[in-house]
Amino acid sequence: MNDDTGPQQPMIHRARTIATGLADVGLTHAEELLRRLSPEGREQARREREAKARRQKRVMIRLVLAAMASLVAFGLVAIVAPAGLSLAVASVLMLLLVTLVFLRADPLRRDAKP
């Protein structure tokens, strides 16, 4: 038997390094799972869902207001101008308002992490 461990040492070191890395990844996933299943994690997820729903509701309200404003503009311009011109003005106004709503809206984060 050869007791020389010189060439085997790097292989053992590499194996331990790989095993340690896999254990770290496993612990990370396990910790993430525990965090999600814990009462605090469920509460945080609920708060995030509610915040996302509030953001979506604000955007929808603003879009409805933009549509109503463009209809009012169409009605007012139609009084003094032909219907085609009124429709064009209302369409441009609607496009402008919708663009402003989306530019000013908070981004909906999919991977929000604390």
PDB file of N, CA and C in Angstrom:
ATOM      1  N   MET A   1       0.822  -1.172   0.000  1.00  0.00           N
ATOM      2  CA  MET A   1       0.000   0.000   0.000  1.00  0.00           C
ATOM      3  C   MET A   1       0.866   1.236   0.000  1.00  0.00           C
ATOM      4  N   ASN A   2       0.410   2.181  -0.717  1.00  0.00           N
ATOM      5  CA  ASN A   2       1.133   3.432  -0.808  1.00  0.00           C
ATOM      6  C   ASN A   2       0.406   4.453   0.063  1.00  0.00           C
ATOM      7  N   ASP A   3       1.075   4.978   1.061  1.00  0.00           N
ATOM      8  CA  ASP A   3       0.473   5.954   1.968  1.00  0.00           C
ATOM      9  C   ASP A   3       0.714   7.387   1.510  1.00  0.00           C
ATOM     10  N   ASP A   4       1.216   7.553   0.315  1.00  0.00           N
ATOM     11  CA  ASP A   4       1.499   8.886  -0.213  1.00  0.00           C
ATOM     12  C   ASP A   4       0.173   9.560  -0.568  1.00  0.00           C
ATOM     13  N   THR A   5      -0.195  10.634   0.121  1.00  0.00           N
ATOM     14  CA  THR A   5      -1.458  11.334  -0.130  1.00  0.00           C
ATOM     15  C   THR A   5      -1.245  12.625  -0.910  1.00  0.00           C
ATOM     16  N   GLY A   6      -0.056  12.822  -1.405  1.00  0.00           N
ATOM     17  CA  GLY A   6       0.254  14.047  -2.131  1.00  0.00           C
ATOM     18  C   GLY A   6      -0.673  14.309  -3.304  1.00  0.00           C
ATOM     19  N   PRO A   7      -0.777  13.431  -4.306  1.00  0.00           N
ATOM     20  CA  PRO A   7      -1.638  13.723  -5.453  1.00  0.00           C
ATOM     21  C   PRO A   7      -3.130  13.648  -5.125  1.00  0.00           C
ATOM     22  N   GLN A   8      -3.521  12.941  -4.064  1.00  0.00           N
ATOM     23  CA  GLN A   8      -4.936  12.814  -3.734  1.00  0.00           C
ATOM     24  C   GLN A   8      -5.462  14.035  -2.973  1.00  0.00           C
ATOM     25  N   GLN A   9      -4.608  14.754  -2.342  1.00  0.00           N
ATOM     26  CA  GLN A   9      -5.023  15.897  -1.522  1.00  0.00           C
ATOM     27  C   GLN A   9      -5.828  16.922  -2.328  1.00  0.00           C
ATOM     28  N   PRO A  10      -5.371  17.322  -3.515  1.00  0.00           N
ATOM     29  CA  PRO A  10      -6.179  18.297  -4.250  1.00  0.00           C
ATOM     30  C   PRO A  10      -7.562  17.762  -4.612  1.00  0.00           C
ATOM     31  N   MET A  11      -7.675  16.468  -4.946  1.00  0.00           N
ATOM     32  CA  MET A  11      -8.975  15.903  -5.301  1.00  0.00           C
ATOM     33  C   MET A  11      -9.909  15.905  -4.091  1.00  0.00           C
ATOM     34  N   ILE A  12      -9.413  15.560  -2.935  1.00  0.00           N
ATOM     35  CA  ILE A  12     -10.233  15.581  -1.724  1.00  0.00           C
ATOM     36  C   ILE A  12     -10.652  17.011  -1.403  1.00  0.00           C
ATOM     37  N   HIS A  13      -9.727  17.921  -1.559  1.00  0.00           N
ATOM     38  CA  HIS A  13     -10.040  19.329  -1.301  1.00  0.00           C
ATOM     39  C   HIS A  13     -11.139  19.813  -2.260  1.00  0.00           C
ATOM     40  N   ARG A  14     -11.017  19.444  -3.552  1.00  0.00           N
ATOM     41  CA  ARG A  14     -12.038  19.841  -4.526  1.00  0.00           C
ATOM     42  C   ARG A  14     -13.392  19.216  -4.190  1.00  0.00           C
ATOM     43  N   ALA A  15     -13.374  17.945  -3.801  1.00  0.00           N
ATOM     44  CA  ALA A  15     -14.627  17.272  -3.458  1.00  0.00           C
ATOM     45  C   ALA A  15     -15.289  17.942  -2.255  1.00  0.00           C
ATOM     46  N   ARG A  16     -14.485  18.286  -1.263  1.00  0.00           N
ATOM     47  CA  ARG A  16     -15.044  18.966  -0.094  1.00  0.00           C
ATOM     48  C   ARG A  16     -15.600  20.337  -0.472  1.00  0.00           C
ATOM     49  N   THR A  17     -14.899  21.037  -1.334  1.00  0.00           N
ATOM     50  CA  THR A  17     -15.361  22.349  -1.779  1.00  0.00           C
ATOM     51  C   THR A  17     -16.691  22.232  -2.513  1.00  0.00           C
ATOM     52  N   ILE A  18     -16.790  21.255  -3.391  1.00  0.00           N
ATOM     53  CA  ILE A  18     -18.040  21.062  -4.138  1.00  0.00           C
ATOM     54  C   ILE A  18     -19.161  20.669  -3.191  1.00  0.00           C
ATOM     55  N   ALA A  19     -18.884  19.760  -2.257  1.00  0.00           N
ATOM     56  CA  ALA A  19     -19.908  19.334  -1.302  1.00  0.00           C
ATOM     57  C   ALA A  19     -20.365  20.502  -0.440  1.00  0.00           C
ATOM     58  N   THR A  20     -19.416  21.331  -0.024  1.00  0.00           N
ATOM     59  CA  THR A  20     -19.769  22.496   0.779  1.00  0.00           C
ATOM     60  C   THR A  20     -20.642  23.457  -0.029  1.00  0.00           C
ATOM     61  N   GLY A  21     -20.293  23.659  -1.308  1.00  0.00           N
ATOM     62  CA  GLY A  21     -21.094  24.534  -2.168  1.00  0.00           C
ATOM     63  C   GLY A  21     -22.504  24.008  -2.349  1.00  0.00           C
ATOM     64  N   LEU A  22     -22.630  22.686  -2.539  1.00  0.00           N
ATOM     65  CA  LEU A  22     -23.966  22.099  -2.686  1.00  0.00           C
ATOM     66  C   LEU A  22     -24.754  22.215  -1.385  1.00  0.00           C
ATOM     67  N   ALA A  23     -24.081  22.033  -0.272  1.00  0.00           N
ATOM     68  CA  ALA A  23     -24.763  22.171   1.022  1.00  0.00           C
ATOM     69  C   ALA A  23     -25.239  23.602   1.216  1.00  0.00           C
ATOM     70  N   ASP A  24     -24.418  24.582   0.801  1.00  0.00           N
ATOM     71  CA  ASP A  24     -24.830  25.988   0.918  1.00  0.00           C
ATOM     72  C   ASP A  24     -26.061  26.267   0.076  1.00  0.00           C
ATOM     73  N   VAL A  25     -26.077  25.736  -1.153  1.00  0.00           N
ATOM     74  CA  VAL A  25     -27.234  25.935  -2.025  1.00  0.00           C
ATOM     75  C   VAL A  25     -28.463  25.286  -1.408  1.00  0.00           C
ATOM     76  N   GLY A  26     -28.294  24.078  -0.883  1.00  0.00           N
ATOM     77  CA  GLY A  26     -29.410  23.401  -0.232  1.00  0.00           C
ATOM     78  C   GLY A  26     -29.917  24.167   0.970  1.00  0.00           C
ATOM     79  N   LEU A  27     -29.012  24.699   1.770  1.00  0.00           N
ATOM     80  CA  LEU A  27     -29.420  25.497   2.927  1.00  0.00           C
ATOM     81  C   LEU A  27     -30.124  26.771   2.490  1.00  0.00           C
ATOM     82  N   THR A  28     -29.634  27.380   1.428  1.00  0.00           N
ATOM     83  CA  THR A  28     -30.263  28.601   0.938  1.00  0.00           C
ATOM     84  C   THR A  28     -31.703  28.322   0.526  1.00  0.00           C
ATOM     85  N   HIS A  29     -31.910  27.235  -0.214  1.00  0.00           N
ATOM     86  CA  HIS A  29     -33.276  26.892  -0.632  1.00  0.00           C
ATOM     87  C   HIS A  29     -34.136  26.527   0.572  1.00  0.00           C
ATOM     88  N   ALA A  30     -33.555  25.797   1.518  1.00  0.00           N
ATOM     89  CA  ALA A  30     -34.312  25.425   2.713  1.00  0.00           C
ATOM     90  C   ALA A  30     -34.677  26.658   3.533  1.00  0.00           C
ATOM     91  N   GLU A  31     -33.723  27.584   3.685  1.00  0.00           N
ATOM     92  CA  GLU A  31     -34.012  28.813   4.425  1.00  0.00           C
ATOM     93  C   GLU A  31     -35.084  29.629   3.724  1.00  0.00           C
ATOM     94  N   GLU A  32     -35.022  29.693   2.396  1.00  0.00           N
ATOM     95  CA  GLU A  32     -36.030  30.435   1.637  1.00  0.00           C
ATOM     96  C   GLU A  32     -37.409  29.793   1.808  1.00  0.00           C
ATOM     97  N   LEU A  33     -37.458  28.463   1.780  1.00  0.00           N
ATOM     98  CA  LEU A  33     -38.718  27.760   1.964  1.00  0.00           C
ATOM     99  C   LEU A  33     -39.282  28.017   3.361  1.00  0.00           C
ATOM    100  N   LEU A  34     -38.423  27.938   4.372  1.00  0.00           N
ATOM    101  CA  LEU A  34     -38.883  28.204   5.737  1.00  0.00           C
ATOM    102  C   LEU A  34     -39.364  29.640   5.881  1.00  0.00           C
ATOM    103  N   ARG A  35     -38.662  30.564   5.234  1.00  0.00           N
ATOM    104  CA  ARG A  35     -39.058  31.966   5.311  1.00  0.00           C
ATOM    105  C   ARG A  35     -40.435  32.159   4.678  1.00  0.00           C
ATOM    106  N   ARG A  36     -40.689  31.467   3.552  1.00  0.00           N
ATOM    107  CA  ARG A  36     -41.984  31.603   2.894  1.00  0.00           C
ATOM    108  C   ARG A  36     -43.101  30.963   3.711  1.00  0.00           C
ATOM    109  N   LEU A  37     -42.807  29.853   4.386  1.00  0.00           N
ATOM    110  CA  LEU A  37     -43.843  29.132   5.115  1.00  0.00           C
ATOM    111  C   LEU A  37     -44.046  29.642   6.532  1.00  0.00           C
ATOM    112  N   SER A  38     -43.135  30.456   7.009  1.00  0.00           N
ATOM    113  CA  SER A  38     -43.272  30.977   8.365  1.00  0.00           C
ATOM    114  C   SER A  38     -44.419  31.985   8.415  1.00  0.00           C
ATOM    115  N   PRO A  39     -44.979  32.219   9.593  1.00  0.00           N
ATOM    116  CA  PRO A  39     -46.054  33.215   9.695  1.00  0.00           C
ATOM    117  C   PRO A  39     -45.614  34.595   9.212  1.00  0.00           C
ATOM    118  N   GLU A  40     -44.369  34.965   9.507  1.00  0.00           N
ATOM    119  CA  GLU A  40     -43.874  36.267   9.046  1.00  0.00           C
ATOM    120  C   GLU A  40     -43.783  36.299   7.517  1.00  0.00           C
ATOM    121  N   GLY A  41     -43.329  35.191   6.933  1.00  0.00           N
ATOM    122  CA  GLY A  41     -43.218  35.127   5.475  1.00  0.00           C
ATOM    123  C   GLY A  41     -44.566  35.189   4.796  1.00  0.00           C
ATOM    124  N   ARG A  42     -45.557  34.487   5.365  1.00  0.00           N
ATOM    125  CA  ARG A  42     -46.905  34.539   4.792  1.00  0.00           C
ATOM    126  C   ARG A  42     -47.502  35.931   4.922  1.00  0.00           C
ATOM    127  N   GLU A  43     -47.234  36.583   6.049  1.00  0.00           N
ATOM    128  CA  GLU A  43     -47.735  37.951   6.254  1.00  0.00           C
ATOM    129  C   GLU A  43     -47.104  38.913   5.254  1.00  0.00           C
ATOM    130  N   GLN A  44     -45.803  38.768   5.034  1.00  0.00           N
ATOM    131  CA  GLN A  44     -45.122  39.631   4.068  1.00  0.00           C
ATOM    132  C   GLN A  44     -45.651  39.388   2.661  1.00  0.00           C
ATOM    133  N   ALA A  45     -45.883  38.130   2.301  1.00  0.00           N
ATOM    134  CA  ALA A  45     -46.428  37.817   0.975  1.00  0.00           C
ATOM    135  C   ALA A  45     -47.824  38.416   0.819  1.00  0.00           C
ATOM    136  N   ARG A  46     -48.624  38.358   1.887  1.00  0.00           N
ATOM    137  CA  ARG A  46     -49.960  38.952   1.832  1.00  0.00           C
ATOM    138  C   ARG A  46     -49.886  40.459   1.632  1.00  0.00           C
ATOM    139  N   ARG A  47     -48.964  41.110   2.373  1.00  0.00           N
ATOM    140  CA  ARG A  47     -48.794  42.567   2.215  1.00  0.00           C
ATOM    141  C   ARG A  47     -48.350  42.915   0.801  1.00  0.00           C
ATOM    142  N   GLU A  48     -47.442  42.105   0.233  1.00  0.00           N
ATOM    143  CA  GLU A  48     -46.978  42.370  -1.137  1.00  0.00           C
ATOM    144  C   GLU A  48     -48.108  42.202  -2.140  1.00  0.00           C
ATOM    145  N   ARG A  49     -48.954  41.164  -1.946  1.00  0.00           N
ATOM    146  CA  ARG A  49     -50.098  40.976  -2.853  1.00  0.00           C
ATOM    147  C   ARG A  49     -51.060  42.151  -2.761  1.00  0.00           C
ATOM    148  N   GLU A  50     -51.318  42.625  -1.528  1.00  0.00           N
ATOM    149  CA  GLU A  50     -52.229  43.751  -1.354  1.00  0.00           C
ATOM    150  C   GLU A  50     -51.658  45.022  -1.974  1.00  0.00           C
ATOM    151  N   ALA A  51     -50.354  45.242  -1.823  1.00  0.00           N
ATOM    152  CA  ALA A  51     -49.728  46.431  -2.411  1.00  0.00           C
ATOM    153  C   ALA A  51     -49.807  46.373  -3.936  1.00  0.00           C
ATOM    154  N   LYS A  52     -49.594  45.196  -4.500  1.00  0.00           N
ATOM    155  CA  LYS A  52     -49.684  45.042  -5.956  1.00  0.00           C
ATOM    156  C   LYS A  52     -51.111  45.302  -6.428  1.00  0.00           C
ATOM    157  N   ALA A  53     -52.090  44.799  -5.684  1.00  0.00           N
ATOM    158  CA  ALA A  53     -53.487  45.024  -6.044  1.00  0.00           C
ATOM    159  C   ALA A  53     -53.841  46.511  -5.973  1.00  0.00           C
ATOM    160  N   ARG A  54     -53.313  47.213  -4.944  1.00  0.00           N
ATOM    161  CA  ARG A  54     -53.557  48.659  -4.846  1.00  0.00           C
ATOM    162  C   ARG A  54     -52.950  49.404  -6.024  1.00  0.00           C
ATOM    163  N   ARG A  55     -51.718  49.029  -6.419  1.00  0.00           N
ATOM    164  CA  ARG A  55     -51.083  49.689  -7.570  1.00  0.00           C
ATOM    165  C   ARG A  55     -51.887  49.460  -8.843  1.00  0.00           C
ATOM    166  N   GLN A  56     -52.342  48.227  -9.043  1.00  0.00           N
ATOM    167  CA  GLN A  56     -53.136  47.927 -10.235  1.00  0.00           C
ATOM    168  C   GLN A  56     -54.459  48.688 -10.224  1.00  0.00           C
ATOM    169  N   LYS A  57     -55.066  48.805  -9.058  1.00  0.00           N
ATOM    170  CA  LYS A  57     -56.335  49.532  -8.945  1.00  0.00           C
ATOM    171  C   LYS A  57     -56.132  51.010  -9.274  1.00  0.00           C
ATOM    172  N   ARG A  58     -55.038  51.602  -8.767  1.00  0.00           N
ATOM    173  CA  ARG A  58     -54.757  53.012  -9.077  1.00  0.00           C
ATOM    174  C   ARG A  58     -54.576  53.219 -10.579  1.00  0.00           C
ATOM    175  N   VAL A  59     -53.856  52.307 -11.231  1.00  0.00           N
ATOM    176  CA  VAL A  59     -53.640  52.436 -12.670  1.00  0.00           C
ATOM    177  C   VAL A  59     -54.969  52.329 -13.414  1.00  0.00           C
ATOM    178  N   MET A  60     -55.811  51.384 -13.024  1.00  0.00           N
ATOM    179  CA  MET A  60     -57.102  51.226 -13.698  1.00  0.00           C
ATOM    180  C   MET A  60     -57.987  52.455 -13.502  1.00  0.00           C
ATOM    181  N   ILE A  61     -57.997  53.022 -12.304  1.00  0.00           N
ATOM    182  CA  ILE A  61     -58.794  54.230 -12.059  1.00  0.00           C
ATOM    183  C   ILE A  61     -58.297  55.369 -12.933  1.00  0.00           C
ATOM    184  N   ARG A  62     -56.989  55.507 -13.028  1.00  0.00           N
ATOM    185  CA  ARG A  62     -56.434  56.579 -13.867  1.00  0.00           C
ATOM    186  C   ARG A  62     -56.758  56.362 -15.335  1.00  0.00           C
ATOM    187  N   LEU A  63     -56.759  55.107 -15.787  1.00  0.00           N
ATOM    188  CA  LEU A  63     -57.111  54.840 -17.185  1.00  0.00           C
ATOM    189  C   LEU A  63     -58.576  55.155 -17.458  1.00  0.00           C
ATOM    190  N   VAL A  64     -59.439  54.833 -16.512  1.00  0.00           N
ATOM    191  CA  VAL A  64     -60.862  55.155 -16.675  1.00  0.00           C
ATOM    192  C   VAL A  64     -61.055  56.675 -16.695  1.00  0.00           C
ATOM    193  N   LEU A  65     -60.353  57.380 -15.830  1.00  0.00           N
ATOM    194  CA  LEU A  65     -60.438  58.847 -15.839  1.00  0.00           C
ATOM    195  C   LEU A  65     -59.923  59.424 -17.159  1.00  0.00           C
ATOM    196  N   ALA A  66     -58.864  58.828 -17.709  1.00  0.00           N
ATOM    197  CA  ALA A  66     -58.343  59.290 -18.995  1.00  0.00           C
ATOM    198  C   ALA A  66     -59.375  59.066 -20.100  1.00  0.00           C
ATOM    199  N   ALA A  67     -60.044  57.930 -20.072  1.00  0.00           N
ATOM    200  CA  ALA A  67     -61.076  57.653 -21.074  1.00  0.00           C
ATOM    201  C   ALA A  67     -62.240  58.639 -20.941  1.00  0.00           C
ATOM    202  N   MET A  68     -62.633  58.917 -19.702  1.00  0.00           N
ATOM    203  CA  MET A  68     -63.723  59.866 -19.501  1.00  0.00           C
ATOM    204  C   MET A  68     -63.323  61.265 -19.964  1.00  0.00           C
ATOM    205  N   ALA A  69     -62.094  61.665 -19.692  1.00  0.00           N
ATOM    206  CA  ALA A  69     -61.633  62.990 -20.120  1.00  0.00           C
ATOM    207  C   ALA A  69     -61.625  63.093 -21.638  1.00  0.00           C
ATOM    208  N   SER A  70     -61.229  62.021 -22.304  1.00  0.00           N
ATOM    209  CA  SER A  70     -61.210  62.077 -23.769  1.00  0.00           C
ATOM    210  C   SER A  70     -62.632  62.118 -24.334  1.00  0.00           C
ATOM    211  N   LEU A  71     -63.579  61.447 -23.685  1.00  0.00           N
ATOM    212  CA  LEU A  71     -64.975  61.535 -24.137  1.00  0.00           C
ATOM    213  C   LEU A  71     -65.539  62.933 -23.940  1.00  0.00           C
ATOM    214  N   VAL A  72     -65.217  63.546 -22.822  1.00  0.00           N
ATOM    215  CA  VAL A  72     -65.670  64.920 -22.575  1.00  0.00           C
ATOM    216  C   VAL A  72     -65.043  65.857 -23.604  1.00  0.00           C
ATOM    217  N   ALA A  73     -63.766  65.658 -23.891  1.00  0.00           N
ATOM    218  CA  ALA A  73     -63.094  66.489 -24.895  1.00  0.00           C
ATOM    219  C   ALA A  73     -63.746  66.304 -26.258  1.00  0.00           C
ATOM    220  N   PHE A  74     -64.094  65.056 -26.602  1.00  0.00           N
ATOM    221  CA  PHE A  74     -64.763  64.804 -27.876  1.00  0.00           C
ATOM    222  C   PHE A  74     -66.094  65.551 -27.939  1.00  0.00           C
ATOM    223  N   GLY A  75     -66.845  65.481 -26.848  1.00  0.00           N
ATOM    224  CA  GLY A  75     -68.136  66.174 -26.828  1.00  0.00           C
ATOM    225  C   GLY A  75     -67.985  67.680 -26.948  1.00  0.00           C
ATOM    226  N   LEU A  76     -67.008  68.258 -26.250  1.00  0.00           N
ATOM    227  CA  LEU A  76     -66.823  69.707 -26.292  1.00  0.00           C
ATOM    228  C   LEU A  76     -66.319  70.183 -27.649  1.00  0.00           C
ATOM    229  N   VAL A  77     -65.376  69.435 -28.225  1.00  0.00           N
ATOM    230  CA  VAL A  77     -64.842  69.840 -29.525  1.00  0.00           C
ATOM    231  C   VAL A  77     -65.872  69.597 -30.621  1.00  0.00           C
ATOM    232  N   ALA A  78     -66.725  68.588 -30.451  1.00  0.00           N
ATOM    233  CA  ALA A  78     -67.750  68.296 -31.457  1.00  0.00           C
ATOM    234  C   ALA A  78     -68.781  69.417 -31.568  1.00  0.00           C
ATOM    235  N   ILE A  79     -68.899  70.199 -30.526  1.00  0.00           N
ATOM    236  CA  ILE A  79     -69.857  71.317 -30.561  1.00  0.00           C
ATOM    237  C   ILE A  79     -69.423  72.354 -31.597  1.00  0.00           C
ATOM    238  N   VAL A  80     -68.113  72.611 -31.690  1.00  0.00           N
ATOM    239  CA  VAL A  80     -67.640  73.690 -32.546  1.00  0.00           C
ATOM    240  C   VAL A  80     -66.901  73.213 -33.790  1.00  0.00           C
ATOM    241  N   ALA A  81     -66.593  71.924 -33.888  1.00  0.00           N
ATOM    242  CA  ALA A  81     -65.816  71.418 -35.023  1.00  0.00           C
ATOM    243  C   ALA A  81     -66.507  70.192 -35.605  1.00  0.00           C
ATOM    244  N   PRO A  82     -66.134  69.821 -36.819  1.00  0.00           N
ATOM    245  CA  PRO A  82     -66.716  68.606 -37.414  1.00  0.00           C
ATOM    246  C   PRO A  82     -66.366  67.357 -36.595  1.00  0.00           C
ATOM    247  N   ALA A  83     -67.161  66.313 -36.744  1.00  0.00           N
ATOM    248  CA  ALA A  83     -66.991  65.095 -35.950  1.00  0.00           C
ATOM    249  C   ALA A  83     -65.630  64.443 -36.181  1.00  0.00           C
ATOM    250  N   GLY A  84     -65.127  64.463 -37.392  1.00  0.00           N
ATOM    251  CA  GLY A  84     -63.823  63.856 -37.694  1.00  0.00           C
ATOM    252  C   GLY A  84     -62.698  64.533 -36.933  1.00  0.00           C
ATOM    253  N   LEU A  85     -62.715  65.865 -36.915  1.00  0.00           N
ATOM    254  CA  LEU A  85     -61.701  66.613 -36.175  1.00  0.00           C
ATOM    255  C   LEU A  85     -61.843  66.364 -34.670  1.00  0.00           C
ATOM    256  N   SER A  86     -63.067  66.318 -34.188  1.00  0.00           N
ATOM    257  CA  SER A  86     -63.313  66.055 -32.768  1.00  0.00           C
ATOM    258  C   SER A  86     -62.789  64.680 -32.373  1.00  0.00           C
ATOM    259  N   LEU A  87     -63.022  63.692 -33.221  1.00  0.00           N
ATOM    260  CA  LEU A  87     -62.545  62.345 -32.942  1.00  0.00           C
ATOM    261  C   LEU A  87     -61.017  62.305 -32.927  1.00  0.00           C
ATOM    262  N   ALA A  88     -60.393  63.020 -33.848  1.00  0.00           N
ATOM    263  CA  ALA A  88     -58.927  63.062 -33.893  1.00  0.00           C
ATOM    264  C   ALA A  88     -58.364  63.709 -32.624  1.00  0.00           C
ATOM    265  N   VAL A  89     -58.958  64.815 -32.195  1.00  0.00           N
ATOM    266  CA  VAL A  89     -58.492  65.496 -30.982  1.00  0.00           C
ATOM    267  C   VAL A  89     -58.673  64.594 -29.767  1.00  0.00           C
ATOM    268  N   ALA A  90     -59.822  63.949 -29.662  1.00  0.00           N
ATOM    269  CA  ALA A  90     -60.088  63.059 -28.524  1.00  0.00           C
ATOM    270  C   ALA A  90     -59.135  61.863 -28.540  1.00  0.00           C
ATOM    271  N   SER A  91     -58.834  61.337 -29.717  1.00  0.00           N
ATOM    272  CA  SER A  91     -57.914  60.197 -29.817  1.00  0.00           C
ATOM    273  C   SER A  91     -56.506  60.581 -29.382  1.00  0.00           C
ATOM    274  N   VAL A  92     -56.052  61.750 -29.830  1.00  0.00           N
ATOM    275  CA  VAL A  92     -54.720  62.217 -29.432  1.00  0.00           C
ATOM    276  C   VAL A  92     -54.674  62.455 -27.924  1.00  0.00           C
ATOM    277  N   LEU A  93     -55.730  63.058 -27.389  1.00  0.00           N
ATOM    278  CA  LEU A  93     -55.790  63.294 -25.947  1.00  0.00           C
ATOM    279  C   LEU A  93     -55.777  61.975 -25.177  1.00  0.00           C
ATOM    280  N   MET A  94     -56.550  60.996 -25.644  1.00  0.00           N
ATOM    281  CA  MET A  94     -56.577  59.688 -24.983  1.00  0.00           C
ATOM    282  C   MET A  94     -55.204  59.029 -25.018  1.00  0.00           C
ATOM    283  N   LEU A  95     -54.535  59.062 -26.150  1.00  0.00           N
ATOM    284  CA  LEU A  95     -53.198  58.482 -26.274  1.00  0.00           C
ATOM    285  C   LEU A  95     -52.219  59.176 -25.336  1.00  0.00           C
ATOM    286  N   LEU A  96     -52.287  60.492 -25.278  1.00  0.00           N
ATOM    287  CA  LEU A  96     -51.408  61.249 -24.392  1.00  0.00           C
ATOM    288  C   LEU A  96     -51.661  60.909 -22.920  1.00  0.00           C
ATOM    289  N   LEU A  97     -52.925  60.856 -22.522  1.00  0.00           N
ATOM    290  CA  LEU A  97     -53.260  60.560 -21.130  1.00  0.00           C
ATOM    291  C   LEU A  97     -52.863  59.136 -20.738  1.00  0.00           C
ATOM    292  N   VAL A  98     -53.112  58.176 -21.614  1.00  0.00           N
ATOM    293  CA  VAL A  98     -52.730  56.788 -21.318  1.00  0.00           C
ATOM    294  C   VAL A  98     -51.218  56.673 -21.195  1.00  0.00           C
ATOM    295  N   THR A  99     -50.490  57.348 -22.067  1.00  0.00           N
ATOM    296  CA  THR A  99     -49.025  57.334 -21.990  1.00  0.00           C
ATOM    297  C   THR A  99     -48.554  57.928 -20.674  1.00  0.00           C
ATOM    298  N   LEU A 100     -49.138  59.042 -20.268  1.00  0.00           N
ATOM    299  CA  LEU A 100     -48.770  59.655 -18.988  1.00  0.00           C
ATOM    300  C   LEU A 100     -49.089  58.747 -17.808  1.00  0.00           C
ATOM    301  N   VAL A 101     -50.229  58.066 -17.853  1.00  0.00           N
ATOM    302  CA  VAL A 101     -50.598  57.158 -16.756  1.00  0.00           C
ATOM    303  C   VAL A 101     -49.560  56.061 -16.620  1.00  0.00           C
ATOM    304  N   PHE A 102     -49.159  55.461 -17.741  1.00  0.00           N
ATOM    305  CA  PHE A 102     -48.199  54.364 -17.660  1.00  0.00           C
ATOM    306  C   PHE A 102     -46.790  54.836 -17.327  1.00  0.00           C
ATOM    307  N   LEU A 103     -46.428  56.032 -17.736  1.00  0.00           N
ATOM    308  CA  LEU A 103     -45.099  56.536 -17.394  1.00  0.00           C
ATOM    309  C   LEU A 103     -44.993  56.863 -15.907  1.00  0.00           C
ATOM    310  N   ARG A 104     -46.082  57.337 -15.323  1.00  0.00           N
ATOM    311  CA  ARG A 104     -46.048  57.721 -13.917  1.00  0.00           C
ATOM    312  C   ARG A 104     -46.396  56.572 -12.971  1.00  0.00           C
ATOM    313  N   ALA A 105     -46.856  55.456 -13.504  1.00  0.00           N
ATOM    314  CA  ALA A 105     -47.253  54.319 -12.657  1.00  0.00           C
ATOM    315  C   ALA A 105     -46.026  53.663 -12.040  1.00  0.00           C
ATOM    316  N   ASP A 106     -46.197  53.161 -10.815  1.00  0.00           N
ATOM    317  CA  ASP A 106     -45.134  52.396 -10.160  1.00  0.00           C
ATOM    318  C   ASP A 106     -44.963  51.084 -10.901  1.00  0.00           C
ATOM    319  N   PRO A 107     -43.725  50.663 -11.085  1.00  0.00           N
ATOM    320  CA  PRO A 107     -43.535  49.373 -11.754  1.00  0.00           C
ATOM    321  C   PRO A 107     -44.059  48.240 -10.876  1.00  0.00           C
ATOM    322  N   LEU A 108     -44.668  47.248 -11.509  1.00  0.00           N
ATOM    323  CA  LEU A 108     -45.143  46.086 -10.781  1.00  0.00           C
ATOM    324  C   LEU A 108     -43.995  45.112 -10.660  1.00  0.00           C
ATOM    325  N   ARG A 109     -43.453  44.992  -9.464  1.00  0.00           N
ATOM    326  CA  ARG A 109     -42.290  44.123  -9.261  1.00  0.00           C
ATOM    327  C   ARG A 109     -42.720  42.679  -9.125  1.00  0.00           C
ATOM    328  N   ARG A 110     -42.075  41.817  -9.891  1.00  0.00           N
ATOM    329  CA  ARG A 110     -42.374  40.391  -9.809  1.00  0.00           C
ATOM    330  C   ARG A 110     -41.517  39.687  -8.777  1.00  0.00           C
ATOM    331  N   ASP A 111     -40.304  40.156  -8.593  1.00  0.00           N
ATOM    332  CA  ASP A 111     -39.381  39.462  -7.695  1.00  0.00           C
ATOM    333  C   ASP A 111     -38.964  40.386  -6.563  1.00  0.00           C
ATOM    334  N   ALA A 112     -39.936  40.931  -5.887  1.00  0.00           N
ATOM    335  CA  ALA A 112     -39.633  41.829  -4.771  1.00  0.00           C
ATOM    336  C   ALA A 112     -39.067  41.028  -3.624  1.00  0.00           C
ATOM    337  N   LYS A 113     -37.881  41.423  -3.193  1.00  0.00           N
ATOM    338  CA  LYS A 113     -37.220  40.739  -2.084  1.00  0.00           C
ATOM    339  C   LYS A 113     -36.902  41.786  -1.024  1.00  0.00           C
ATOM    340  N   PRO A 114     -37.024  41.400   0.251  1.00  0.00           N
ATOM    341  CA  PRO A 114     -36.776  42.374   1.317  1.00  0.00           C
ATOM    342  C   PRO A 114     -35.342  42.775   1.392  1.00  0.00           C
TER     343      PRO A 114
END
